[in-house]
Amino acid sequence: MSTGPRSRKDSGLYYGWYVIGAMFFMALVGVGPRQGLGLFFDRWTEEFDVSISMLSLMAGAGWLVNGIAHPFIGNLTDRFGGRIVMSVSMVVVGAGSFLLGVSFNLWMLALVYVPLVSVGMAGILFVPASALASRWFKRKRGTAISVLTSGASVGGMLMVPFMAYMLETVDWRMTWMVVGGMLLLASPLLWFVLRNNPRELGLWPDGDDGPSDAVALTSVTGLGRQGPLAVDRWQNAYRSRPIWVLTFGYVVCGITTGSIAVHFVPYAISEGISVKTAALAFALLNLINLAGVLTTGVISDRMLRKNLLTVVYGVRGLAFLALVLLPPGLGLWVFAIVGGMSWLASVPQVGALTAEIYGVQRAGTLNGMLTLVHQVGGASAVFGAGLVFDLSGSYSPFFVVAAATLVFASAISWVLRERVCSVRFVEADGQPGLAAEGT
């Protein structure tokens, strides 16, 4: 009699999709405090008598602390599971967002935003979620991670305009209190729906009936077939080339997404564009990104993920050039359309590649390390963009640098030898088609 996990195809939808749905909703509501922060810069400069660069310094410090927190969050996920990590993190972000609404000066804003909101964000976007999805899905891993990531796109499309509406209708303090309340109410959903592994419910990944006898034992342990570079200690991953390729690309990803997440609305205001228009353009960016993330996720399960990363970074570079070369009113919308095609599309590819090259056992920690460098890049860009604007009166010099770094990220992604090191291309006997040395 079999005692291993079983399939529940006869009971309807595979439970893994409920897990993905809960994390989709988590990203949707959780993205507000990050992507909506720039909406408040104009109000805060007036009320607290501070400069854009000072607010950028606070935001950049938040991104930096968020990055430092990610490896620890990833390690906690590997040890205790994503269920408790994400549930508690949502409470922390919700409480921190509420407290932003009662802040009375820049120092209290920073005290709440940096150690509370920013650290809590590490637990909901996207390291624990990617690691958890990688345990529930193998064949459809790219699709699953793309679906949960697309929650942030929907959140940007809904939460940012909602926060802009609240800002104009009531005031900035009430806006943050409402957002905080929404996040606190979302936490119980995560706790009741999430499960750390399909084995907890007697299931196999992807809802399959089970693996062949040759790999049954490893599947029961949750590891499955391993690629040539799979590690049981996360530090060992840094002895091979792929992790460095992913790292360098993710630094650039952080530089370009971080700067826009914080400075998109201030850029629009500096060019005489209203907050409402900027919020609508940002919503369009996220709407298009929703389609882009889902499409690239599905496609990546059928082709090389590194090829999609190459395209994603290249397209984003074109979007930044549009902000520099086109009139502001036109450039804003072109950026929303072209940039939206690639905005979060790198997240599912990097998350899936990490699990497929180095295994799921340390996927949380490794994704945390990658997100650390992503956020360090973002922190430097958030502050750097604000400083460039204060010194030159324009964001254009920074946008040119951002476009150049994206060309670099596109080029190095292309050289990743995915066929050699990814478990997707390992033969059934567990042997790679080519020697892993030098990959």
Protein backbone atom coordinates (compact mmCIF):
# COMPACT_ATOMS: atom_id res chain seq x y z
CA MET A 1 0.00 0.00 0.00
CA SER A 2 1.36 3.42 -0.95
CA THR A 3 2.08 5.84 1.88
CA GLY A 4 3.43 8.70 -0.21
CA PRO A 5 1.70 11.87 -1.31
CA ARG A 6 -1.28 11.49 -3.59
CA SER A 7 -3.07 13.38 -6.30
CA ARG A 8 -6.43 15.08 -5.80
CA LYS A 9 -7.31 15.62 -9.42
CA ASP A 10 -10.72 14.09 -8.72
CA SER A 11 -11.52 16.75 -6.10
CA GLY A 12 -11.34 19.75 -8.40
CA LEU A 13 -8.77 22.50 -8.68
CA TYR A 14 -5.29 21.63 -7.43
CA TYR A 15 -4.77 23.23 -4.01
CA GLY A 16 -1.51 24.80 -5.14
CA TRP A 17 -3.53 27.32 -7.14
CA TYR A 18 -5.34 28.40 -3.97
CA VAL A 19 -1.91 29.00 -2.43
CA ILE A 20 -0.93 31.06 -5.47
CA GLY A 21 -4.22 32.95 -5.27
CA ALA A 22 -3.63 33.92 -1.64
CA MET A 23 -0.12 35.15 -2.45
CA PHE A 24 -1.51 37.03 -5.48
CA PHE A 25 -3.85 38.92 -3.14
CA MET A 26 -0.99 39.48 -0.68
CA ALA A 27 1.07 41.14 -3.41
CA LEU A 28 -1.93 43.14 -4.60
CA VAL A 29 -2.62 44.88 -1.31
CA GLY A 30 0.98 44.76 -0.06
CA VAL A 31 2.49 46.69 -2.94
CA GLY A 32 0.71 49.93 -1.98
CA PRO A 33 3.18 51.20 0.65
CA ARG A 34 6.07 50.68 -1.79
CA GLN A 35 4.69 51.91 -5.11
CA GLY A 36 2.49 54.60 -3.61
CA LEU A 37 5.18 56.30 -1.53
CA GLY A 38 6.05 58.88 -4.18
CA LEU A 39 2.48 60.19 -4.13
CA PHE A 40 3.16 61.81 -0.76
CA PHE A 41 6.46 63.55 -1.51
CA ASP A 42 4.78 66.80 -2.58
CA ARG A 43 2.67 66.95 0.62
CA TRP A 44 5.59 66.03 2.88
CA THR A 45 7.95 68.63 1.40
CA GLU A 46 5.39 71.30 2.30
CA GLU A 47 4.24 70.03 5.68
CA PHE A 48 7.64 68.98 7.04
CA ASP A 49 9.74 71.56 5.14
CA VAL A 50 12.15 69.01 3.66
CA SER A 51 13.70 68.54 0.21
CA ILE A 52 13.10 65.82 -2.35
CA SER A 53 16.61 64.49 -1.72
CA MET A 54 15.90 64.14 2.02
CA LEU A 55 12.74 62.17 1.33
CA SER A 56 14.70 60.16 -1.24
CA LEU A 57 17.29 59.41 1.43
CA MET A 58 14.55 58.05 3.69
CA ALA A 59 13.08 55.98 0.87
CA GLY A 60 16.53 54.76 -0.17
CA ALA A 61 17.31 53.75 3.42
CA GLY A 62 14.07 51.78 3.40
CA TRP A 63 15.09 49.95 0.23
CA LEU A 64 18.52 49.22 1.70
CA VAL A 65 17.12 47.86 4.97
CA ASN A 66 14.58 45.89 3.00
CA GLY A 67 17.41 44.35 0.99
CA ILE A 68 19.44 43.48 4.10
CA ALA A 69 16.37 41.81 5.59
CA HIS A 70 15.77 39.53 2.60
CA PRO A 71 18.49 36.91 3.26
CA PHE A 72 17.25 36.56 6.83
CA ILE A 73 13.64 36.32 5.65
CA GLY A 74 14.70 33.74 3.07
CA ASN A 75 16.52 31.71 5.71
CA LEU A 76 13.47 31.82 7.98
CA THR A 77 11.36 30.63 5.06
CA ASP A 78 13.69 27.69 4.42
CA ARG A 79 13.64 26.76 8.12
CA PHE A 80 10.05 27.41 9.19
CA GLY A 81 8.09 27.76 5.95
CA GLY A 82 6.51 30.67 4.12
CA ARG A 83 3.15 30.46 5.84
CA ILE A 84 4.17 32.00 9.15
CA VAL A 85 6.75 34.33 7.58
CA MET A 86 4.25 35.92 5.19
CA SER A 87 1.40 36.08 7.71
CA VAL A 88 3.50 37.87 10.33
CA SER A 89 5.10 40.14 7.72
CA MET A 90 1.67 41.30 6.55
CA VAL A 91 0.80 42.30 10.13
CA VAL A 92 4.07 44.25 10.44
CA VAL A 93 3.52 46.13 7.16
CA GLY A 94 -0.08 46.86 8.07
CA ALA A 95 0.82 48.22 11.51
CA GLY A 96 3.68 50.25 10.06
CA SER A 97 1.47 51.75 7.34
CA PHE A 98 -1.10 52.78 9.94
CA LEU A 99 1.61 54.43 12.03
CA LEU A 100 2.80 56.45 9.01
CA GLY A 101 -0.56 58.17 9.17
CA VAL A 102 0.14 59.51 12.67
CA SER A 103 3.72 60.63 12.00
CA PHE A 104 4.40 64.25 12.92
CA ASN A 105 7.81 64.88 11.30
CA LEU A 106 10.37 63.38 8.92
CA TRP A 107 12.17 61.53 11.69
CA MET A 108 9.05 59.67 12.78
CA LEU A 109 8.28 58.87 9.14
CA ALA A 110 11.75 57.39 8.79
CA LEU A 111 11.54 55.54 12.12
CA VAL A 112 8.34 53.82 10.98
CA TYR A 113 9.07 53.35 7.27
CA VAL A 114 12.64 52.05 7.48
CA PRO A 115 12.64 49.41 10.25
CA LEU A 116 8.94 48.41 10.18
CA VAL A 117 7.41 48.81 6.73
CA SER A 118 10.60 48.05 4.82
CA VAL A 119 11.51 44.95 6.83
CA GLY A 120 7.93 43.68 6.67
CA MET A 121 7.95 44.15 2.90
CA ALA A 122 10.78 41.63 2.67
CA GLY A 123 8.35 39.01 3.92
CA ILE A 124 5.63 39.64 1.35
CA LEU A 125 7.43 40.72 -1.86
CA PHE A 126 8.57 38.21 -3.29
CA VAL A 127 11.18 35.93 -1.72
CA PRO A 128 9.05 33.69 0.53
CA ALA A 129 6.32 33.56 -2.11
CA SER A 130 8.69 32.44 -4.88
CA ALA A 131 10.24 29.79 -2.63
CA LEU A 132 6.81 28.50 -1.60
CA ALA A 133 5.58 28.40 -5.21
CA SER A 134 8.70 26.46 -6.22
CA ARG A 135 7.74 23.73 -3.75
CA TRP A 136 4.17 23.48 -5.03
CA PHE A 137 5.04 23.60 -8.74
CA LYS A 138 7.78 22.14 -10.94
CA ARG A 139 6.54 21.84 -14.53
CA LYS A 140 4.44 24.99 -14.21
CA ARG A 141 6.83 26.84 -11.93
CA GLY A 142 7.28 29.85 -14.22
CA THR A 143 3.53 30.20 -14.68
CA ALA A 144 2.84 29.91 -10.95
CA ILE A 145 5.44 32.49 -9.92
CA SER A 146 4.24 34.81 -12.69
CA VAL A 147 0.65 34.62 -11.44
CA LEU A 148 1.56 35.52 -7.87
CA THR A 149 3.94 38.25 -9.10
CA SER A 150 1.19 39.71 -11.26
CA GLY A 151 -0.62 40.53 -8.04
CA ALA A 152 1.83 43.40 -7.63
CA SER A 153 0.89 44.62 -11.11
CA VAL A 154 -2.79 44.56 -10.25
CA GLY A 155 -1.93 46.24 -6.96
CA GLY A 156 -0.07 49.01 -8.76
CA MET A 157 -3.01 49.38 -11.11
CA LEU A 158 -5.55 49.59 -8.28
CA MET A 159 -3.79 50.64 -5.10
CA VAL A 160 -1.81 53.60 -6.49
CA PRO A 161 -4.86 55.32 -8.07
CA PHE A 162 -6.86 54.45 -4.95
CA MET A 163 -4.24 56.06 -2.72
CA ALA A 164 -4.12 59.08 -5.05
CA TYR A 165 -7.91 59.37 -4.84
CA MET A 166 -7.82 59.11 -1.05
CA LEU A 167 -5.06 61.70 -0.93
CA GLU A 168 -7.19 64.20 -2.83
CA THR A 169 -10.48 63.29 -1.12
CA VAL A 170 -9.43 63.19 2.53
CA ASP A 171 -5.78 63.71 3.49
CA TRP A 172 -2.48 61.83 3.50
CA ARG A 173 -2.83 60.70 7.11
CA MET A 174 -6.18 59.00 6.62
CA THR A 175 -4.89 57.43 3.40
CA TRP A 176 -2.12 55.60 5.25
CA MET A 177 -4.48 54.53 8.05
CA VAL A 178 -6.91 53.00 5.55
CA VAL A 179 -4.10 51.18 3.71
CA GLY A 180 -2.78 49.87 7.03
CA GLY A 181 -6.19 48.57 7.99
CA MET A 182 -6.55 46.74 4.67
CA LEU A 183 -3.21 45.00 5.18
CA LEU A 184 -4.06 43.94 8.73
CA LEU A 185 -7.33 42.43 7.54
CA ALA A 186 -5.51 40.47 4.81
CA SER A 187 -3.19 38.63 7.19
CA PRO A 188 -5.68 35.99 8.42
CA LEU A 189 -6.36 34.97 4.81
CA LEU A 190 -2.71 34.01 4.37
CA TRP A 191 -2.62 31.98 7.57
CA PHE A 192 -5.73 29.96 6.74
CA VAL A 193 -4.96 29.30 3.06
CA LEU A 194 -1.18 28.90 2.80
CA ARG A 195 0.57 25.56 3.29
CA ASN A 196 4.34 25.17 3.23
CA ASN A 197 4.49 22.05 1.07
CA PRO A 198 2.07 19.92 -0.95
CA ARG A 199 3.04 16.96 1.26
CA GLU A 200 1.18 18.61 4.15
CA LEU A 201 -2.04 17.83 2.26
CA GLY A 202 -0.83 14.53 0.80
CA LEU A 203 -0.29 16.02 -2.67
CA TRP A 204 2.38 15.98 -5.34
CA PRO A 205 3.74 19.14 -7.01
CA ASP A 206 1.64 20.37 -9.97
CA GLY A 207 -1.22 18.09 -8.85
CA ASP A 208 0.36 15.09 -10.55
CA ASP A 209 -0.36 11.49 -9.62
CA GLY A 210 3.23 11.06 -8.45
CA PRO A 211 6.72 10.58 -9.86
CA SER A 212 8.23 7.46 -11.28
CA ASP A 213 9.71 4.90 -8.87
CA ALA A 214 13.20 6.09 -9.82
CA VAL A 215 12.64 9.46 -8.19
CA ALA A 216 9.91 8.63 -5.67
CA LEU A 217 12.16 8.77 -2.62
CA THR A 218 13.63 12.18 -3.43
CA SER A 219 10.19 13.53 -4.26
CA VAL A 220 8.83 12.43 -0.89
CA THR A 221 11.61 14.41 0.77
CA GLY A 222 10.50 17.44 -1.21
CA LEU A 223 13.76 17.80 -3.17
CA GLY A 224 12.94 15.94 -6.38
CA ARG A 225 15.49 15.52 -9.15
CA GLN A 226 18.47 17.83 -8.66
CA GLY A 227 20.53 19.71 -11.23
CA PRO A 228 24.34 19.57 -11.45
CA LEU A 229 24.76 22.74 -9.37
CA ALA A 230 22.16 22.00 -6.65
CA VAL A 231 23.39 22.98 -3.19
CA ASP A 232 22.57 22.04 0.39
CA ARG A 233 24.42 25.11 1.70
CA TRP A 234 23.51 28.39 0.04
CA GLN A 235 27.10 29.67 0.25
CA ASN A 236 28.21 26.97 -2.20
CA ALA A 237 26.12 28.53 -4.96
CA TYR A 238 28.56 31.43 -5.16
CA ARG A 239 31.29 29.07 -6.36
CA SER A 240 29.61 28.86 -9.76
CA ARG A 241 29.00 31.40 -12.49
CA PRO A 242 25.18 31.45 -12.92
CA ILE A 243 24.51 33.04 -9.52
CA TRP A 244 26.82 35.92 -10.42
CA VAL A 245 25.07 36.45 -13.75
CA LEU A 246 21.71 36.57 -11.97
CA THR A 247 23.20 38.86 -9.30
CA PHE A 248 24.57 41.46 -11.71
CA GLY A 249 21.32 41.53 -13.65
CA TYR A 250 19.27 41.90 -10.50
CA VAL A 251 21.34 44.87 -9.31
CA VAL A 252 20.36 46.66 -12.50
CA CYS A 253 16.76 45.53 -12.07
CA GLY A 254 16.77 47.16 -8.63
CA ILE A 255 18.28 50.38 -9.95
CA THR A 256 15.63 50.77 -12.62
CA THR A 257 12.52 49.63 -10.74
CA GLY A 258 13.45 51.36 -7.48
CA SER A 259 13.99 54.74 -9.06
CA ILE A 260 10.68 54.66 -10.90
CA ALA A 261 8.69 53.23 -7.98
CA VAL A 262 9.62 56.27 -5.89
CA HIS A 263 10.25 59.01 -8.47
CA PHE A 264 7.69 58.40 -11.19
CA VAL A 265 5.15 60.82 -9.69
CA PRO A 266 7.77 63.44 -8.62
CA TYR A 267 9.18 63.29 -12.18
CA ALA A 268 5.73 63.93 -13.63
CA ILE A 269 5.13 66.85 -11.24
CA SER A 270 8.51 68.34 -12.16
CA GLU A 271 7.41 68.32 -15.80
CA GLY A 272 4.08 70.03 -15.07
CA ILE A 273 2.01 66.83 -15.13
CA SER A 274 -0.65 66.38 -12.45
CA VAL A 275 -0.56 63.74 -9.73
CA LYS A 276 -3.77 62.17 -11.05
CA THR A 277 -2.37 61.86 -14.56
CA ALA A 278 0.85 60.35 -13.25
CA ALA A 279 -1.12 57.87 -11.14
CA LEU A 280 -3.19 56.87 -14.17
CA ALA A 281 -0.03 56.40 -16.24
CA PHE A 282 1.42 54.25 -13.48
CA ALA A 283 -1.80 52.26 -13.40
CA LEU A 284 -1.49 51.71 -17.17
CA LEU A 285 2.10 50.56 -16.68
CA ASN A 286 0.89 47.96 -14.20
CA LEU A 287 -2.02 46.90 -16.40
CA ILE A 288 0.32 46.20 -19.31
CA ASN A 289 2.80 44.59 -16.93
CA LEU A 290 0.05 42.24 -15.76
CA ALA A 291 -0.23 40.87 -19.28
CA GLY A 292 3.55 40.90 -19.72
CA VAL A 293 4.27 38.97 -16.52
CA LEU A 294 1.64 36.32 -17.20
CA THR A 295 2.67 35.91 -20.83
CA THR A 296 6.39 35.62 -20.15
CA GLY A 297 5.71 33.22 -17.28
CA VAL A 298 3.77 30.82 -19.47
CA ILE A 299 6.25 31.16 -22.34
CA SER A 300 9.24 30.62 -20.05
CA ASP A 301 7.94 27.16 -19.09
CA ARG A 302 8.37 26.24 -22.76
CA MET A 303 11.68 27.91 -23.64
CA LEU A 304 14.92 29.19 -22.12
CA ARG A 305 14.24 31.60 -19.28
CA LYS A 306 17.53 33.44 -19.84
CA ASN A 307 16.36 34.47 -23.31
CA LEU A 308 13.32 36.14 -21.83
CA LEU A 309 15.48 37.91 -19.24
CA THR A 310 17.58 39.27 -22.11
CA VAL A 311 14.49 40.68 -23.81
CA VAL A 312 12.96 42.01 -20.58
CA TYR A 313 16.00 44.10 -19.67
CA GLY A 314 16.42 45.34 -23.24
CA VAL A 315 12.81 46.49 -23.56
CA ARG A 316 13.00 48.29 -20.23
CA GLY A 317 16.08 50.16 -21.50
CA LEU A 318 14.04 51.46 -24.44
CA ALA A 319 11.39 52.69 -22.03
CA PHE A 320 13.92 54.81 -20.12
CA LEU A 321 15.18 56.30 -23.37
CA ALA A 322 11.60 57.38 -24.14
CA LEU A 323 11.60 59.53 -20.99
CA VAL A 324 14.73 61.30 -22.21
CA LEU A 325 14.09 61.64 -25.95
CA LEU A 326 10.35 62.34 -26.11
CA PRO A 327 8.34 65.34 -24.86
CA PRO A 328 7.34 64.73 -21.22
CA GLY A 329 3.62 64.41 -21.84
CA LEU A 330 4.21 61.78 -24.54
CA GLY A 331 7.22 60.16 -22.91
CA LEU A 332 5.27 59.43 -19.73
CA TRP A 333 2.70 57.35 -21.60
CA VAL A 334 5.24 55.67 -23.88
CA PHE A 335 7.20 54.68 -20.81
CA ALA A 336 4.04 53.27 -19.23
CA ILE A 337 3.36 51.14 -22.32
CA VAL A 338 6.90 50.00 -23.19
CA GLY A 339 8.10 49.77 -19.59
CA GLY A 340 4.96 47.94 -18.60
CA MET A 341 5.85 45.09 -20.94
CA SER A 342 8.86 44.29 -18.80
CA TRP A 343 8.33 45.79 -15.36
CA LEU A 344 8.10 42.79 -13.04
CA ALA A 345 8.68 40.17 -15.72
CA SER A 346 12.23 39.61 -14.43
CA VAL A 347 11.01 38.41 -11.00
CA PRO A 348 9.47 35.07 -12.10
CA GLN A 349 12.43 34.28 -14.37
CA VAL A 350 15.04 34.92 -11.67
CA GLY A 351 13.02 33.07 -9.01
CA ALA A 352 12.46 30.04 -11.23
CA LEU A 353 16.06 29.94 -12.50
CA THR A 354 17.41 30.06 -8.95
CA ALA A 355 15.30 27.06 -7.88
CA GLU A 356 16.05 25.11 -11.06
CA ILE A 357 19.80 25.67 -10.99
CA TYR A 358 20.49 25.42 -7.25
CA GLY A 359 17.50 23.38 -6.01
CA VAL A 360 14.50 24.23 -3.83
CA GLN A 361 16.18 23.34 -0.52
CA ARG A 362 17.89 26.73 -0.26
CA ALA A 363 15.75 28.64 -2.75
CA GLY A 364 14.45 31.00 -0.05
CA THR A 365 17.90 32.03 1.15
CA LEU A 366 19.34 32.38 -2.35
CA ASN A 367 16.38 34.43 -3.55
CA GLY A 368 16.88 36.52 -0.42
CA MET A 369 20.52 37.14 -1.32
CA LEU A 370 19.52 38.11 -4.86
CA THR A 371 16.85 40.45 -3.56
CA LEU A 372 19.42 41.97 -1.21
CA VAL A 373 21.54 43.18 -4.14
CA HIS A 374 18.37 44.16 -6.00
CA GLN A 375 17.37 46.40 -3.11
CA VAL A 376 20.88 47.79 -2.65
CA GLY A 377 20.76 48.83 -6.29
CA GLY A 378 17.30 50.25 -5.72
CA ALA A 379 18.35 52.14 -2.60
CA SER A 380 21.28 53.78 -4.35
CA ALA A 381 19.05 54.69 -7.29
CA VAL A 382 16.25 56.11 -5.14
CA PHE A 383 18.66 58.45 -3.41
CA GLY A 384 20.75 59.06 -6.52
CA ALA A 385 17.77 60.06 -8.65
CA GLY A 386 16.60 62.54 -6.01
CA LEU A 387 20.10 63.99 -5.65
CA VAL A 388 20.49 64.34 -9.42
CA PHE A 389 17.19 66.19 -9.57
CA ASP A 390 18.11 68.57 -6.72
CA LEU A 391 21.48 69.33 -8.34
CA SER A 392 20.42 69.61 -11.99
CA GLY A 393 16.69 70.28 -11.86
CA SER A 394 16.06 67.29 -14.13
CA TYR A 395 15.81 63.50 -13.94
CA SER A 396 17.14 63.04 -17.49
CA PRO A 397 20.82 62.41 -16.58
CA PHE A 398 19.78 59.61 -14.26
CA PHE A 399 17.46 58.07 -16.86
CA VAL A 400 20.32 57.92 -19.37
CA VAL A 401 22.48 56.02 -16.87
CA ALA A 402 19.57 53.67 -16.12
CA ALA A 403 19.16 52.87 -19.83
CA ALA A 404 22.88 52.10 -20.15
CA THR A 405 22.84 49.71 -17.19
CA LEU A 406 19.88 47.85 -18.72
CA VAL A 407 21.84 47.25 -21.91
CA PHE A 408 24.55 45.68 -19.72
CA ALA A 409 22.01 43.51 -17.87
CA SER A 410 20.54 42.31 -21.15
CA ALA A 411 23.96 41.33 -22.46
CA ILE A 412 25.09 39.34 -19.42
CA SER A 413 21.75 37.51 -19.18
CA TRP A 414 22.29 36.21 -22.70
CA VAL A 415 25.54 34.41 -21.73
CA LEU A 416 23.93 32.31 -18.96
CA ARG A 417 24.35 28.63 -19.94
CA GLU A 418 20.92 27.50 -18.83
CA ARG A 419 20.92 24.23 -20.80
CA VAL A 420 24.00 23.08 -18.88
CA CYS A 421 23.01 23.93 -15.32
CA SER A 422 19.19 23.93 -15.04
CA VAL A 423 17.39 20.82 -13.79
CA ARG A 424 14.89 21.32 -16.61
CA PHE A 425 17.52 20.08 -19.04
CA VAL A 426 18.98 17.29 -16.93
CA GLU A 427 18.35 13.79 -18.28
CA ALA A 428 16.11 11.41 -16.38
CA ASP A 429 19.12 9.65 -14.85
CA GLY A 430 20.14 12.91 -13.18
CA GLN A 431 23.22 13.50 -15.36
CA PRO A 432 23.70 16.83 -17.17
CA GLY A 433 24.19 16.78 -20.89
CA LEU A 434 27.44 18.73 -20.58
CA ALA A 435 30.06 19.05 -17.86
CA ALA A 436 29.01 21.55 -15.22
CA GLU A 437 32.58 22.77 -14.79
CA GLY A 438 32.91 26.39 -15.74
CA THR A 439 29.20 27.09 -15.97
